[in-house]
Amino acid sequence: MANYIDEFVVVKGVKLHYYRTGSGNQTLILLHGASDNGMCWKPTADVLAEEYDVIMPDAQGHGLSDRLDPGFKFSDQVYQAAGLIRELRINNPVLMGHSMGGTCATNLAALYPDLPKAIILEDPGWMTQIANQPGQRPGAREMRERMEQFKTMTVEELIEQCHRESPLWSYEELVPWAESKKQFDINLFSSFNINELPWIEMVPKIKCPALLITAEIGIVNDDTVAKAMEIWTADKPLSHVKVMGVGHNIRRENFQVFFDSVQQFIKGL
């Protein structure tokens, strides 16, 4: 079992909490999705820590980081993640992000091309359709209502509900997920403009290698993948792996395929 330390850095007046584990010459920074926290990466980090230095920040409004201020924008996460990298004096980390964290990794690679060695995107928030249309993921209002309900539940109740809704998840995934819902600032869903910096404008600016991991039923569909490949301009590769039989939480539903894809990509850098 990996040992974890937890510390804080301050970026432009915002105190950001992070966990760190493992060792090695290559640092991996794992960016979580909306309403999760850094520890939601723990089952993955436990394995990665055998070879890598692993950092798992809590985004602002999540985990033990500062709460959201009235002027918060999703794009703030980009300079905050870049600030964390610089404060910790990390050279050429690999960024791995899920959902909202995948969007942050996308934008950081585009706007701070000198910072990451590579990026790994687990079904990033590359929205192309309007939320609340039939068949679309919930919008801000529905997500806020769901989070408000979570606040009234115990961790044990949340674990039980998540297990019913997501039977493929291991118990090791359920516990940090449930705990993160008790820490999450629901004001994040006062608006839900994750695409404040549109992915279609950010992707052509990326210069580093990238691995895009998508689900059979997730945010990023086949048309979006094809468009990303079309607008990719870097001389470094954009690799793609589609995992069948899973939804948005790819690593939680088929860890082995997810982890093998990640390992193969990192080893090839």
C-alpha atoms as a PDB file:
ATOM      1  CA  MET A   1       0.000   0.000   0.000  1.00  0.00           C
ATOM      2  CA  ALA A   2       1.382   3.395  -0.978  1.00  0.00           C
ATOM      3  CA  ASN A   3       2.100   6.007   1.688  1.00  0.00           C
ATOM      4  CA  TYR A   4       0.598   9.453   1.155  1.00  0.00           C
ATOM      5  CA  ILE A   5       1.592  12.885   2.359  1.00  0.00           C
ATOM      6  CA  ASP A   6      -0.746  15.830   2.097  1.00  0.00           C
ATOM      7  CA  GLU A   7       0.358  19.448   1.792  1.00  0.00           C
ATOM      8  CA  PHE A   8      -0.867  22.837   0.551  1.00  0.00           C
ATOM      9  CA  VAL A   9       0.360  25.399  -1.962  1.00  0.00           C
ATOM     10  CA  VAL A  10      -1.007  28.906  -2.488  1.00  0.00           C
ATOM     11  CA  VAL A  11      -1.613  30.133  -6.044  1.00  0.00           C
ATOM     12  CA  LYS A  12      -2.814  33.726  -6.457  1.00  0.00           C
ATOM     13  CA  GLY A  13      -4.247  33.718  -2.957  1.00  0.00           C
ATOM     14  CA  VAL A  14      -6.050  30.358  -3.304  1.00  0.00           C
ATOM     15  CA  LYS A  15      -4.904  27.559  -0.998  1.00  0.00           C
ATOM     16  CA  LEU A  16      -4.788  24.281  -2.897  1.00  0.00           C
ATOM     17  CA  HIS A  17      -4.450  20.939  -1.155  1.00  0.00           C
ATOM     18  CA  TYR A  18      -2.701  17.950  -2.708  1.00  0.00           C
ATOM     19  CA  TYR A  19      -1.670  14.386  -1.912  1.00  0.00           C
ATOM     20  CA  ARG A  20       1.658  12.916  -2.967  1.00  0.00           C
ATOM     21  CA  THR A  21       2.968   9.368  -3.069  1.00  0.00           C
ATOM     22  CA  GLY A  22       5.522   7.175  -4.802  1.00  0.00           C
ATOM     23  CA  SER A  23       8.933   8.049  -6.153  1.00  0.00           C
ATOM     24  CA  GLY A  24      10.831   8.058  -9.387  1.00  0.00           C
ATOM     25  CA  ASN A  25      12.140  10.452 -11.999  1.00  0.00           C
ATOM     26  CA  GLN A  26       8.771  10.914 -13.724  1.00  0.00           C
ATOM     27  CA  THR A  27       6.035  12.888 -11.973  1.00  0.00           C
ATOM     28  CA  LEU A  28       2.392  12.241 -12.791  1.00  0.00           C
ATOM     29  CA  ILE A  29      -0.228  14.830 -11.816  1.00  0.00           C
ATOM     30  CA  LEU A  30      -3.734  13.362 -11.612  1.00  0.00           C
ATOM     31  CA  LEU A  31      -6.611  15.839 -12.044  1.00  0.00           C
ATOM     32  CA  HIS A  32     -10.019  14.667 -10.839  1.00  0.00           C
ATOM     33  CA  GLY A  33     -13.509  15.274 -12.185  1.00  0.00           C
ATOM     34  CA  ALA A  34     -16.201  17.637 -10.917  1.00  0.00           C
ATOM     35  CA  SER A  35     -17.404  16.812  -7.355  1.00  0.00           C
ATOM     36  CA  ASP A  36     -14.553  14.303  -6.820  1.00  0.00           C
ATOM     37  CA  ASN A  37     -11.282  15.003  -4.991  1.00  0.00           C
ATOM     38  CA  GLY A  38      -7.646  13.994  -5.299  1.00  0.00           C
ATOM     39  CA  MET A  39      -8.155  10.806  -3.295  1.00  0.00           C
ATOM     40  CA  CYS A  40     -10.622   9.577  -5.915  1.00  0.00           C
ATOM     41  CA  TRP A  41      -7.466   8.638  -7.852  1.00  0.00           C
ATOM     42  CA  LYS A  42      -6.146   6.492  -4.968  1.00  0.00           C
ATOM     43  CA  PRO A  43      -6.759   3.020  -6.494  1.00  0.00           C
ATOM     44  CA  THR A  44      -4.882   4.168  -9.608  1.00  0.00           C
ATOM     45  CA  ALA A  45      -2.179   5.999  -7.660  1.00  0.00           C
ATOM     46  CA  ASP A  46      -1.539   2.966  -5.437  1.00  0.00           C
ATOM     47  CA  VAL A  47      -0.363   1.081  -8.528  1.00  0.00           C
ATOM     48  CA  LEU A  48       1.402   3.988 -10.258  1.00  0.00           C
ATOM     49  CA  ALA A  49       3.351   4.776  -7.076  1.00  0.00           C
ATOM     50  CA  GLU A  50       5.407   1.624  -7.596  1.00  0.00           C
ATOM     51  CA  GLU A  51       7.228   3.408 -10.435  1.00  0.00           C
ATOM     52  CA  TYR A  52       6.297   7.096 -10.401  1.00  0.00           C
ATOM     53  CA  ASP A  53       6.094  10.207  -8.275  1.00  0.00           C
ATOM     54  CA  VAL A  54       2.318  10.840  -8.116  1.00  0.00           C
ATOM     55  CA  ILE A  55       0.565  14.081  -7.147  1.00  0.00           C
ATOM     56  CA  MET A  56      -3.205  14.333  -6.722  1.00  0.00           C
ATOM     57  CA  PRO A  57      -4.494  17.881  -6.164  1.00  0.00           C
ATOM     58  CA  ASP A  58      -7.908  18.845  -4.853  1.00  0.00           C
ATOM     59  CA  ALA A  59      -9.266  21.429  -7.307  1.00  0.00           C
ATOM     60  CA  GLN A  60     -10.628  24.619  -5.781  1.00  0.00           C
ATOM     61  CA  GLY A  61     -14.029  23.920  -4.229  1.00  0.00           C
ATOM     62  CA  HIS A  62     -13.161  20.245  -3.796  1.00  0.00           C
ATOM     63  CA  GLY A  63     -11.570  18.187  -1.044  1.00  0.00           C
ATOM     64  CA  LEU A  64      -9.551  20.292   1.384  1.00  0.00           C
ATOM     65  CA  SER A  65      -8.796  23.160  -1.016  1.00  0.00           C
ATOM     66  CA  ASP A  66     -10.291  26.639  -0.601  1.00  0.00           C
ATOM     67  CA  ARG A  67     -13.974  27.076  -1.324  1.00  0.00           C
ATOM     68  CA  LEU A  68     -15.162  28.845  -4.451  1.00  0.00           C
ATOM     69  CA  ASP A  69     -15.321  32.620  -4.556  1.00  0.00           C
ATOM     70  CA  PRO A  70     -18.079  34.511  -6.432  1.00  0.00           C
ATOM     71  CA  GLY A  71     -15.796  35.241  -9.383  1.00  0.00           C
ATOM     72  CA  PHE A  72     -14.666  31.641  -9.895  1.00  0.00           C
ATOM     73  CA  LYS A  73     -14.447  30.375 -13.478  1.00  0.00           C
ATOM     74  CA  PHE A  74     -13.544  26.886 -14.696  1.00  0.00           C
ATOM     75  CA  SER A  75     -10.609  28.428 -16.545  1.00  0.00           C
ATOM     76  CA  ASP A  76      -9.124  29.365 -13.136  1.00  0.00           C
ATOM     77  CA  GLN A  77      -8.262  25.696 -12.710  1.00  0.00           C
ATOM     78  CA  VAL A  78      -5.757  25.984 -15.540  1.00  0.00           C
ATOM     79  CA  TYR A  79      -3.539  28.651 -13.979  1.00  0.00           C
ATOM     80  CA  GLN A  80      -3.995  27.012 -10.569  1.00  0.00           C
ATOM     81  CA  ALA A  81      -2.686  23.676 -11.876  1.00  0.00           C
ATOM     82  CA  ALA A  82       0.153  25.475 -13.666  1.00  0.00           C
ATOM     83  CA  GLY A  83       0.904  27.357 -10.432  1.00  0.00           C
ATOM     84  CA  LEU A  84       1.035  24.116  -8.460  1.00  0.00           C
ATOM     85  CA  ILE A  85       3.531  22.674 -10.948  1.00  0.00           C
ATOM     86  CA  ARG A  86       5.738  25.743 -10.627  1.00  0.00           C
ATOM     87  CA  GLU A  87       5.438  26.029  -6.840  1.00  0.00           C
ATOM     88  CA  LEU A  88       6.526  22.396  -6.466  1.00  0.00           C
ATOM     89  CA  ARG A  89       9.312  22.872  -9.039  1.00  0.00           C
ATOM     90  CA  ILE A  90       8.213  19.906 -11.129  1.00  0.00           C
ATOM     91  CA  ASN A  91       9.887  19.475 -14.486  1.00  0.00           C
ATOM     92  CA  ASN A  92       7.885  18.051 -17.391  1.00  0.00           C
ATOM     93  CA  PRO A  93       5.126  16.199 -15.541  1.00  0.00           C
ATOM     94  CA  VAL A  94       2.664  13.943 -17.278  1.00  0.00           C
ATOM     95  CA  LEU A  95      -0.859  15.251 -16.665  1.00  0.00           C
ATOM     96  CA  MET A  96      -3.706  12.760 -16.412  1.00  0.00           C
ATOM     97  CA  GLY A  97      -7.216  14.115 -16.071  1.00  0.00           C
ATOM     98  CA  HIS A  98     -10.733  12.691 -15.875  1.00  0.00           C
ATOM     99  CA  SER A  99     -13.784  14.624 -17.102  1.00  0.00           C
ATOM    100  CA  MET A 100     -13.369  18.178 -15.726  1.00  0.00           C
ATOM    101  CA  GLY A 101      -9.758  17.304 -14.954  1.00  0.00           C
ATOM    102  CA  GLY A 102      -9.294  16.166 -18.548  1.00  0.00           C
ATOM    103  CA  THR A 103     -10.558  19.531 -19.722  1.00  0.00           C
ATOM    104  CA  CYS A 104      -8.092  21.241 -17.384  1.00  0.00           C
ATOM    105  CA  ALA A 105      -5.218  19.101 -18.714  1.00  0.00           C
ATOM    106  CA  THR A 106      -6.264  19.915 -22.295  1.00  0.00           C
ATOM    107  CA  ASN A 107      -6.298  23.639 -21.611  1.00  0.00           C
ATOM    108  CA  LEU A 108      -3.051  23.618 -19.632  1.00  0.00           C
ATOM    109  CA  ALA A 109      -1.232  21.824 -22.444  1.00  0.00           C
ATOM    110  CA  ALA A 110      -2.581  24.398 -24.907  1.00  0.00           C
ATOM    111  CA  LEU A 111      -1.915  27.532 -22.837  1.00  0.00           C
ATOM    112  CA  TYR A 112       1.296  26.430 -21.063  1.00  0.00           C
ATOM    113  CA  PRO A 113       2.994  24.272 -23.723  1.00  0.00           C
ATOM    114  CA  ASP A 114       6.343  24.394 -21.911  1.00  0.00           C
ATOM    115  CA  LEU A 115       5.011  22.660 -18.782  1.00  0.00           C
ATOM    116  CA  PRO A 116       3.711  19.139 -19.545  1.00  0.00           C
ATOM    117  CA  LYS A 117       5.685  16.291 -21.034  1.00  0.00           C
ATOM    118  CA  ALA A 118       2.444  14.631 -22.129  1.00  0.00           C
ATOM    119  CA  ILE A 119      -1.256  14.484 -21.277  1.00  0.00           C
ATOM    120  CA  ILE A 120      -3.627  11.570 -20.705  1.00  0.00           C
ATOM    121  CA  LEU A 121      -7.342  12.331 -20.995  1.00  0.00           C
ATOM    122  CA  GLU A 122      -9.979  10.011 -19.522  1.00  0.00           C
ATOM    123  CA  ASP A 123     -13.258  10.972 -21.225  1.00  0.00           C
ATOM    124  CA  PRO A 124     -12.554  14.726 -20.902  1.00  0.00           C
ATOM    125  CA  GLY A 125     -15.355  17.287 -20.754  1.00  0.00           C
ATOM    126  CA  TRP A 126     -15.249  17.994 -24.471  1.00  0.00           C
ATOM    127  CA  MET A 127     -18.918  18.915 -24.692  1.00  0.00           C
ATOM    128  CA  THR A 128     -20.286  19.424 -28.189  1.00  0.00           C
ATOM    129  CA  GLN A 129     -24.016  19.472 -27.496  1.00  0.00           C
ATOM    130  CA  ILE A 130     -26.248  21.476 -25.196  1.00  0.00           C
ATOM    131  CA  ALA A 131     -26.924  19.950 -21.792  1.00  0.00           C
ATOM    132  CA  ASN A 132     -30.547  19.015 -21.002  1.00  0.00           C
ATOM    133  CA  GLN A 133     -31.352  17.991 -24.565  1.00  0.00           C
ATOM    134  CA  PRO A 134     -32.777  14.442 -24.780  1.00  0.00           C
ATOM    135  CA  GLY A 135     -30.048  11.914 -24.181  1.00  0.00           C
ATOM    136  CA  GLN A 136     -27.566  14.488 -22.868  1.00  0.00           C
ATOM    137  CA  ARG A 137     -25.748  14.540 -19.530  1.00  0.00           C
ATOM    138  CA  PRO A 138     -27.428  16.518 -16.725  1.00  0.00           C
ATOM    139  CA  GLY A 139     -27.035  20.279 -16.713  1.00  0.00           C
ATOM    140  CA  ALA A 140     -26.061  22.578 -13.844  1.00  0.00           C
ATOM    141  CA  ARG A 141     -29.470  22.640 -12.158  1.00  0.00           C
ATOM    142  CA  GLU A 142     -29.859  18.859 -12.106  1.00  0.00           C
ATOM    143  CA  MET A 143     -26.290  18.369 -10.907  1.00  0.00           C
ATOM    144  CA  ARG A 144     -26.745  20.927  -8.111  1.00  0.00           C
ATOM    145  CA  GLU A 145     -29.961  19.211  -6.975  1.00  0.00           C
ATOM    146  CA  ARG A 146     -28.173  15.852  -6.950  1.00  0.00           C
ATOM    147  CA  MET A 147     -25.276  17.286  -4.923  1.00  0.00           C
ATOM    148  CA  GLU A 148     -27.688  18.885  -2.441  1.00  0.00           C
ATOM    149  CA  GLN A 149     -29.262  15.477  -1.940  1.00  0.00           C
ATOM    150  CA  PHE A 150     -25.824  13.943  -1.368  1.00  0.00           C
ATOM    151  CA  LYS A 151     -25.164  16.485   1.405  1.00  0.00           C
ATOM    152  CA  THR A 152     -28.087  15.055   3.384  1.00  0.00           C
ATOM    153  CA  MET A 153     -26.765  11.481   3.167  1.00  0.00           C
ATOM    154  CA  THR A 154     -24.148   9.710   5.247  1.00  0.00           C
ATOM    155  CA  VAL A 155     -20.989   8.320   3.668  1.00  0.00           C
ATOM    156  CA  GLU A 156     -22.370   4.824   4.172  1.00  0.00           C
ATOM    157  CA  GLU A 157     -25.613   5.751   2.395  1.00  0.00           C
ATOM    158  CA  LEU A 158     -23.661   7.276  -0.471  1.00  0.00           C
ATOM    159  CA  ILE A 159     -21.550   4.141  -0.814  1.00  0.00           C
ATOM    160  CA  GLU A 160     -24.675   1.991  -0.922  1.00  0.00           C
ATOM    161  CA  GLN A 161     -26.348   4.208  -3.529  1.00  0.00           C
ATOM    162  CA  CYS A 162     -23.246   4.382  -5.725  1.00  0.00           C
ATOM    163  CA  HIS A 163     -22.870   0.603  -5.559  1.00  0.00           C
ATOM    164  CA  ARG A 164     -26.453   0.172  -6.757  1.00  0.00           C
ATOM    165  CA  GLU A 165     -25.962   2.656  -9.602  1.00  0.00           C
ATOM    166  CA  SER A 166     -22.416   1.567 -10.526  1.00  0.00           C
ATOM    167  CA  PRO A 167     -22.047  -2.146  -9.706  1.00  0.00           C
ATOM    168  CA  LEU A 168     -18.766  -2.442 -11.632  1.00  0.00           C
ATOM    169  CA  TRP A 169     -16.956  -0.155  -9.186  1.00  0.00           C
ATOM    170  CA  SER A 170     -14.760  -1.737  -6.519  1.00  0.00           C
ATOM    171  CA  TYR A 171     -15.189  -0.864  -2.846  1.00  0.00           C
ATOM    172  CA  GLU A 172     -11.835   0.958  -3.053  1.00  0.00           C
ATOM    173  CA  GLU A 173     -13.420   3.312  -5.594  1.00  0.00           C
ATOM    174  CA  LEU A 174     -16.690   3.752  -3.713  1.00  0.00           C
ATOM    175  CA  VAL A 175     -15.211   5.054  -0.445  1.00  0.00           C
ATOM    176  CA  PRO A 176     -13.231   8.078  -1.736  1.00  0.00           C
ATOM    177  CA  TRP A 177     -16.075   8.909  -4.145  1.00  0.00           C
ATOM    178  CA  ALA A 178     -18.564   9.026  -1.262  1.00  0.00           C
ATOM    179  CA  GLU A 179     -16.235  11.014   0.988  1.00  0.00           C
ATOM    180  CA  SER A 180     -15.594  13.555  -1.770  1.00  0.00           C
ATOM    181  CA  LYS A 181     -19.314  14.320  -2.021  1.00  0.00           C
ATOM    182  CA  LYS A 182     -19.328  15.474   1.597  1.00  0.00           C
ATOM    183  CA  GLN A 183     -16.446  17.907   0.897  1.00  0.00           C
ATOM    184  CA  PHE A 184     -17.597  19.296  -2.435  1.00  0.00           C
ATOM    185  CA  ASP A 185     -18.708  22.947  -2.812  1.00  0.00           C
ATOM    186  CA  ILE A 186     -22.032  22.730  -4.677  1.00  0.00           C
ATOM    187  CA  ASN A 187     -21.638  26.329  -5.832  1.00  0.00           C
ATOM    188  CA  LEU A 188     -19.575  24.865  -8.670  1.00  0.00           C
ATOM    189  CA  PHE A 189     -22.923  24.095 -10.269  1.00  0.00           C
ATOM    190  CA  SER A 190     -24.202  27.641 -10.052  1.00  0.00           C
ATOM    191  CA  SER A 191     -23.057  27.519 -13.661  1.00  0.00           C
ATOM    192  CA  PHE A 192     -21.623  24.607 -15.587  1.00  0.00           C
ATOM    193  CA  ASN A 193     -19.548  26.168 -18.335  1.00  0.00           C
ATOM    194  CA  ILE A 194     -16.729  23.637 -18.411  1.00  0.00           C
ATOM    195  CA  ASN A 195     -16.185  24.617 -22.044  1.00  0.00           C
ATOM    196  CA  GLU A 196     -15.439  28.228 -21.267  1.00  0.00           C
ATOM    197  CA  LEU A 197     -12.284  27.542 -23.274  1.00  0.00           C
ATOM    198  CA  PRO A 198     -13.717  25.451 -26.139  1.00  0.00           C
ATOM    199  CA  TRP A 199     -11.812  22.226 -26.671  1.00  0.00           C
ATOM    200  CA  ILE A 200     -12.051  22.675 -30.425  1.00  0.00           C
ATOM    201  CA  GLU A 201      -9.911  25.825 -30.051  1.00  0.00           C
ATOM    202  CA  MET A 202      -7.526  24.349 -27.481  1.00  0.00           C
ATOM    203  CA  VAL A 203      -6.648  21.020 -29.160  1.00  0.00           C
ATOM    204  CA  PRO A 204      -4.809  22.576 -32.153  1.00  0.00           C
ATOM    205  CA  LYS A 205      -2.554  24.483 -29.726  1.00  0.00           C
ATOM    206  CA  ILE A 206      -1.280  21.373 -27.943  1.00  0.00           C
ATOM    207  CA  LYS A 207       2.333  20.470 -28.716  1.00  0.00           C
ATOM    208  CA  CYS A 208       2.982  17.463 -26.470  1.00  0.00           C
ATOM    209  CA  PRO A 209       1.990  13.808 -26.979  1.00  0.00           C
ATOM    210  CA  ALA A 210      -1.537  12.968 -25.858  1.00  0.00           C
ATOM    211  CA  LEU A 211      -3.535   9.848 -25.080  1.00  0.00           C
ATOM    212  CA  LEU A 212      -7.312  10.120 -25.323  1.00  0.00           C
ATOM    213  CA  ILE A 213      -9.208   7.291 -23.599  1.00  0.00           C
ATOM    214  CA  THR A 214     -12.913   7.201 -24.384  1.00  0.00           C
ATOM    215  CA  ALA A 215     -15.871   5.059 -23.347  1.00  0.00           C
ATOM    216  CA  GLU A 216     -18.538   3.206 -25.259  1.00  0.00           C
ATOM    217  CA  ILE A 217     -21.056   5.519 -23.563  1.00  0.00           C
ATOM    218  CA  GLY A 218     -19.334   8.710 -22.421  1.00  0.00           C
ATOM    219  CA  ILE A 219     -18.934  12.422 -23.099  1.00  0.00           C
ATOM    220  CA  VAL A 220     -16.519  12.040 -26.018  1.00  0.00           C
ATOM    221  CA  ASN A 221     -18.211  10.239 -28.908  1.00  0.00           C
ATOM    222  CA  ASP A 222     -16.706   8.912 -32.125  1.00  0.00           C
ATOM    223  CA  ASP A 223     -17.467  12.111 -34.040  1.00  0.00           C
ATOM    224  CA  THR A 224     -15.627  14.170 -31.434  1.00  0.00           C
ATOM    225  CA  VAL A 225     -12.615  11.833 -31.645  1.00  0.00           C
ATOM    226  CA  ALA A 226     -12.584  12.158 -35.428  1.00  0.00           C
ATOM    227  CA  LYS A 227     -12.744  15.947 -35.170  1.00  0.00           C
ATOM    228  CA  ALA A 228      -9.897  16.004 -32.641  1.00  0.00           C
ATOM    229  CA  MET A 229      -7.742  13.919 -34.971  1.00  0.00           C
ATOM    230  CA  GLU A 230      -8.604  16.238 -37.849  1.00  0.00           C
ATOM    231  CA  ILE A 231      -7.596  19.448 -36.021  1.00  0.00           C
ATOM    232  CA  TRP A 232      -4.513  17.965 -34.290  1.00  0.00           C
ATOM    233  CA  THR A 233      -1.470  19.927 -35.522  1.00  0.00           C
ATOM    234  CA  ALA A 234       1.369  18.806 -33.228  1.00  0.00           C
ATOM    235  CA  ASP A 235       4.197  16.711 -34.602  1.00  0.00           C
ATOM    236  CA  LYS A 236       3.737  14.539 -31.483  1.00  0.00           C
ATOM    237  CA  PRO A 237       1.044  11.853 -31.696  1.00  0.00           C
ATOM    238  CA  LEU A 238      -2.543  11.969 -30.475  1.00  0.00           C
ATOM    239  CA  SER A 239      -3.277   8.352 -29.553  1.00  0.00           C
ATOM    240  CA  HIS A 240      -6.775   7.026 -28.930  1.00  0.00           C
ATOM    241  CA  VAL A 241      -8.118   4.038 -27.023  1.00  0.00           C
ATOM    242  CA  LYS A 242     -11.838   3.270 -26.873  1.00  0.00           C
ATOM    243  CA  VAL A 243     -12.906   1.013 -24.009  1.00  0.00           C
ATOM    244  CA  MET A 244     -16.053  -0.948 -24.713  1.00  0.00           C
ATOM    245  CA  GLY A 245     -18.642  -1.884 -22.116  1.00  0.00           C
ATOM    246  CA  VAL A 246     -18.007   1.126 -19.874  1.00  0.00           C
ATOM    247  CA  GLY A 247     -19.370   4.601 -19.268  1.00  0.00           C
ATOM    248  CA  HIS A 248     -17.853   7.931 -18.278  1.00  0.00           C
ATOM    249  CA  ASN A 249     -15.894   6.515 -15.312  1.00  0.00           C
ATOM    250  CA  ILE A 250     -13.641   4.348 -17.435  1.00  0.00           C
ATOM    251  CA  ARG A 251     -10.945   3.461 -14.910  1.00  0.00           C
ATOM    252  CA  ARG A 252     -13.561   2.640 -12.269  1.00  0.00           C
ATOM    253  CA  GLU A 253     -15.384   0.225 -14.572  1.00  0.00           C
ATOM    254  CA  ASN A 254     -12.479  -1.470 -16.366  1.00  0.00           C
ATOM    255  CA  PHE A 255      -9.306  -0.658 -14.494  1.00  0.00           C
ATOM    256  CA  GLN A 256      -7.063  -3.179 -16.228  1.00  0.00           C
ATOM    257  CA  VAL A 257      -7.674  -1.934 -19.772  1.00  0.00           C
ATOM    258  CA  PHE A 258      -7.386   1.662 -18.588  1.00  0.00           C
ATOM    259  CA  PHE A 259      -4.162   1.060 -16.664  1.00  0.00           C
ATOM    260  CA  ASP A 260      -2.531  -1.016 -19.407  1.00  0.00           C
ATOM    261  CA  SER A 261      -3.259   1.781 -21.921  1.00  0.00           C
ATOM    262  CA  VAL A 262      -1.770   4.380 -19.593  1.00  0.00           C
ATOM    263  CA  GLN A 263       1.340   2.317 -18.874  1.00  0.00           C
ATOM    264  CA  GLN A 264       1.987   1.593 -22.529  1.00  0.00           C
ATOM    265  CA  PHE A 265       1.663   5.288 -23.372  1.00  0.00           C
ATOM    266  CA  ILE A 266       3.969   6.490 -20.585  1.00  0.00           C
ATOM    267  CA  LYS A 267       6.586   3.835 -21.323  1.00  0.00           C
ATOM    268  CA  GLY A 268       6.614   4.962 -24.951  1.00  0.00           C
ATOM    269  CA  LEU A 269       7.386   8.606 -24.181  1.00  0.00           C
END
